[in-house]
Amino acid sequence: MSTQPLNEKDALEQRLNTETAKINWHELQKHYAAGNVLAVAETADLIKVAVAFHQDDTTKVQAWLADKTLFEINDEQALDWYESKTEHWAVVIPPFVLVQKST
């Protein structure tokens, strides 16, 4: 049985998946303060969003921003996550940290 090589997108998805980790909101404070944290809706695929960022796919990113699949975190939400010590899945796509509330 031969294994077919991964295409570039599949390889990127696989790599980003291994770079994704759970992190407490407290540990994201300095990135949030710098304006570098964006949230991904719980119904969306964090890795697919990360791939679009990595590939600079502005069309997809703008569409997700428009429909709130991807959104900026306001201070009230950040404070709630801080106080409740909310854990998130996170992946870094410099300069951004993409986070998704862990379920």
C-alpha atoms as a PDB file:
ATOM      1  CA  MET A   1       0.000   0.000   0.000  1.00  0.00           C
ATOM      2  CA  SER A   2       1.528   3.312  -1.041  1.00  0.00           C
ATOM      3  CA  THR A   3       0.927   6.532   0.789  1.00  0.00           C
ATOM      4  CA  GLN A   4       0.099   9.553  -1.262  1.00  0.00           C
ATOM      5  CA  PRO A   5       2.099  12.669  -0.379  1.00  0.00           C
ATOM      6  CA  LEU A   6       0.200  15.487   1.257  1.00  0.00           C
ATOM      7  CA  ASN A   7      -0.555  18.466  -0.897  1.00  0.00           C
ATOM      8  CA  GLU A   8       0.693  21.826   0.317  1.00  0.00           C
ATOM      9  CA  LYS A   9      -2.612  22.865   1.931  1.00  0.00           C
ATOM     10  CA  ASP A  10      -3.048  19.520   3.706  1.00  0.00           C
ATOM     11  CA  ALA A  11       0.531  19.712   4.978  1.00  0.00           C
ATOM     12  CA  LEU A  12      -0.090  23.255   6.258  1.00  0.00           C
ATOM     13  CA  GLU A  13      -3.314  22.177   7.995  1.00  0.00           C
ATOM     14  CA  GLN A  14      -1.498  19.258   9.599  1.00  0.00           C
ATOM     15  CA  ARG A  15       1.365  21.490  10.786  1.00  0.00           C
ATOM     16  CA  LEU A  16      -0.976  24.158  12.187  1.00  0.00           C
ATOM     17  CA  ASN A  17      -3.009  21.488  13.941  1.00  0.00           C
ATOM     18  CA  THR A  18       0.117  20.327  15.771  1.00  0.00           C
ATOM     19  CA  GLU A  19       0.892  23.947  16.716  1.00  0.00           C
ATOM     20  CA  THR A  20      -2.545  24.485  18.252  1.00  0.00           C
ATOM     21  CA  ALA A  21      -2.793  24.305  22.022  1.00  0.00           C
ATOM     22  CA  LYS A  22      -5.128  25.080  24.889  1.00  0.00           C
ATOM     23  CA  ILE A  23      -4.240  28.241  26.750  1.00  0.00           C
ATOM     24  CA  ASN A  24      -5.799  30.170  29.595  1.00  0.00           C
ATOM     25  CA  TRP A  25      -6.985  33.695  28.790  1.00  0.00           C
ATOM     26  CA  HIS A  26      -4.602  35.041  31.471  1.00  0.00           C
ATOM     27  CA  GLU A  27      -1.663  33.953  29.329  1.00  0.00           C
ATOM     28  CA  LEU A  28      -3.037  35.863  26.339  1.00  0.00           C
ATOM     29  CA  GLN A  29      -3.270  39.247  28.073  1.00  0.00           C
ATOM     30  CA  LYS A  30      -0.076  40.756  26.618  1.00  0.00           C
ATOM     31  CA  HIS A  31      -1.122  39.730  23.106  1.00  0.00           C
ATOM     32  CA  TYR A  32      -4.630  41.113  23.653  1.00  0.00           C
ATOM     33  CA  ALA A  33      -3.189  44.383  24.985  1.00  0.00           C
ATOM     34  CA  ALA A  34      -1.073  44.658  21.826  1.00  0.00           C
ATOM     35  CA  GLY A  35      -4.205  44.208  19.699  1.00  0.00           C
ATOM     36  CA  ASN A  36      -3.021  40.919  18.216  1.00  0.00           C
ATOM     37  CA  VAL A  37      -5.741  38.507  19.344  1.00  0.00           C
ATOM     38  CA  LEU A  38      -8.712  37.639  17.164  1.00  0.00           C
ATOM     39  CA  ALA A  39     -11.447  35.211  18.126  1.00  0.00           C
ATOM     40  CA  VAL A  40     -12.958  32.502  15.962  1.00  0.00           C
ATOM     41  CA  ALA A  41     -16.599  31.548  16.496  1.00  0.00           C
ATOM     42  CA  GLU A  42     -17.148  28.222  18.232  1.00  0.00           C
ATOM     43  CA  THR A  43     -18.993  26.918  15.160  1.00  0.00           C
ATOM     44  CA  ALA A  44     -16.052  27.604  12.821  1.00  0.00           C
ATOM     45  CA  ASP A  45     -12.943  25.557  12.081  1.00  0.00           C
ATOM     46  CA  LEU A  46      -9.975  27.234  13.781  1.00  0.00           C
ATOM     47  CA  ILE A  47      -7.469  25.516  11.504  1.00  0.00           C
ATOM     48  CA  LYS A  48      -9.248  26.599   8.311  1.00  0.00           C
ATOM     49  CA  VAL A  49      -9.206  30.198   9.553  1.00  0.00           C
ATOM     50  CA  ALA A  50      -5.515  29.882  10.424  1.00  0.00           C
ATOM     51  CA  VAL A  51      -4.774  28.523   6.941  1.00  0.00           C
ATOM     52  CA  ALA A  52      -6.561  31.489   5.354  1.00  0.00           C
ATOM     53  CA  PHE A  53      -4.477  33.873   7.492  1.00  0.00           C
ATOM     54  CA  HIS A  54      -1.283  32.039   6.632  1.00  0.00           C
ATOM     55  CA  GLN A  55      -2.115  32.189   2.923  1.00  0.00           C
ATOM     56  CA  ASP A  56      -3.146  35.860   3.191  1.00  0.00           C
ATOM     57  CA  ASP A  57      -6.593  35.029   1.802  1.00  0.00           C
ATOM     58  CA  THR A  58      -8.134  38.458   2.403  1.00  0.00           C
ATOM     59  CA  THR A  59     -11.398  37.540   0.670  1.00  0.00           C
ATOM     60  CA  LYS A  60     -12.134  34.753   3.168  1.00  0.00           C
ATOM     61  CA  VAL A  61     -10.877  36.751   6.153  1.00  0.00           C
ATOM     62  CA  GLN A  62     -13.017  39.781   5.223  1.00  0.00           C
ATOM     63  CA  ALA A  63     -16.077  37.554   4.750  1.00  0.00           C
ATOM     64  CA  TRP A  64     -15.529  35.964   8.162  1.00  0.00           C
ATOM     65  CA  LEU A  65     -15.106  39.386   9.769  1.00  0.00           C
ATOM     66  CA  ALA A  66     -18.340  40.531   8.110  1.00  0.00           C
ATOM     67  CA  ASP A  67     -20.384  37.547   9.335  1.00  0.00           C
ATOM     68  CA  LYS A  68     -18.683  37.464  12.770  1.00  0.00           C
ATOM     69  CA  THR A  69     -17.107  34.052  12.236  1.00  0.00           C
ATOM     70  CA  LEU A  70     -13.908  35.949  13.033  1.00  0.00           C
ATOM     71  CA  PHE A  71     -14.118  38.887  15.404  1.00  0.00           C
ATOM     72  CA  GLU A  72     -12.186  41.351  17.504  1.00  0.00           C
ATOM     73  CA  ILE A  73     -12.532  40.838  21.224  1.00  0.00           C
ATOM     74  CA  ASN A  74     -13.942  43.784  23.116  1.00  0.00           C
ATOM     75  CA  ASP A  75     -12.800  44.775  26.597  1.00  0.00           C
ATOM     76  CA  GLU A  76     -15.991  43.467  28.225  1.00  0.00           C
ATOM     77  CA  GLN A  77     -15.506  40.018  26.680  1.00  0.00           C
ATOM     78  CA  ALA A  78     -11.812  40.010  27.605  1.00  0.00           C
ATOM     79  CA  LEU A  79     -12.647  40.875  31.207  1.00  0.00           C
ATOM     80  CA  ASP A  80     -15.273  38.118  31.367  1.00  0.00           C
ATOM     81  CA  TRP A  81     -12.780  35.568  30.015  1.00  0.00           C
ATOM     82  CA  TYR A  82     -10.142  36.861  32.447  1.00  0.00           C
ATOM     83  CA  GLU A  83     -12.421  36.624  35.484  1.00  0.00           C
ATOM     84  CA  SER A  84     -13.767  33.204  34.544  1.00  0.00           C
ATOM     85  CA  LYS A  85     -10.281  31.925  33.626  1.00  0.00           C
ATOM     86  CA  THR A  86     -11.638  30.768  30.282  1.00  0.00           C
ATOM     87  CA  GLU A  87      -9.525  28.297  28.362  1.00  0.00           C
ATOM     88  CA  HIS A  88      -9.129  28.681  24.598  1.00  0.00           C
ATOM     89  CA  TRP A  89      -7.660  26.789  21.717  1.00  0.00           C
ATOM     90  CA  ALA A  90      -5.010  29.040  20.192  1.00  0.00           C
ATOM     91  CA  VAL A  91      -2.742  29.087  17.188  1.00  0.00           C
ATOM     92  CA  VAL A  92      -0.200  31.736  16.289  1.00  0.00           C
ATOM     93  CA  ILE A  93      -0.134  33.200  12.793  1.00  0.00           C
ATOM     94  CA  PRO A  94       2.248  36.139  13.267  1.00  0.00           C
ATOM     95  CA  PRO A  95       1.495  38.777  14.285  1.00  0.00           C
ATOM     96  CA  PHE A  96      -1.868  37.354  15.329  1.00  0.00           C
ATOM     97  CA  VAL A  97      -2.998  34.818  17.871  1.00  0.00           C
ATOM     98  CA  LEU A  98      -6.262  33.210  16.794  1.00  0.00           C
ATOM     99  CA  VAL A  99      -8.320  31.888  19.689  1.00  0.00           C
ATOM    100  CA  GLN A 100     -11.442  29.804  19.992  1.00  0.00           C
ATOM    101  CA  LYS A 101     -13.261  29.203  23.234  1.00  0.00           C
ATOM    102  CA  SER A 102     -12.619  25.646  24.372  1.00  0.00           C
ATOM    103  CA  THR A 103     -15.719  23.574  24.845  1.00  0.00           C
END
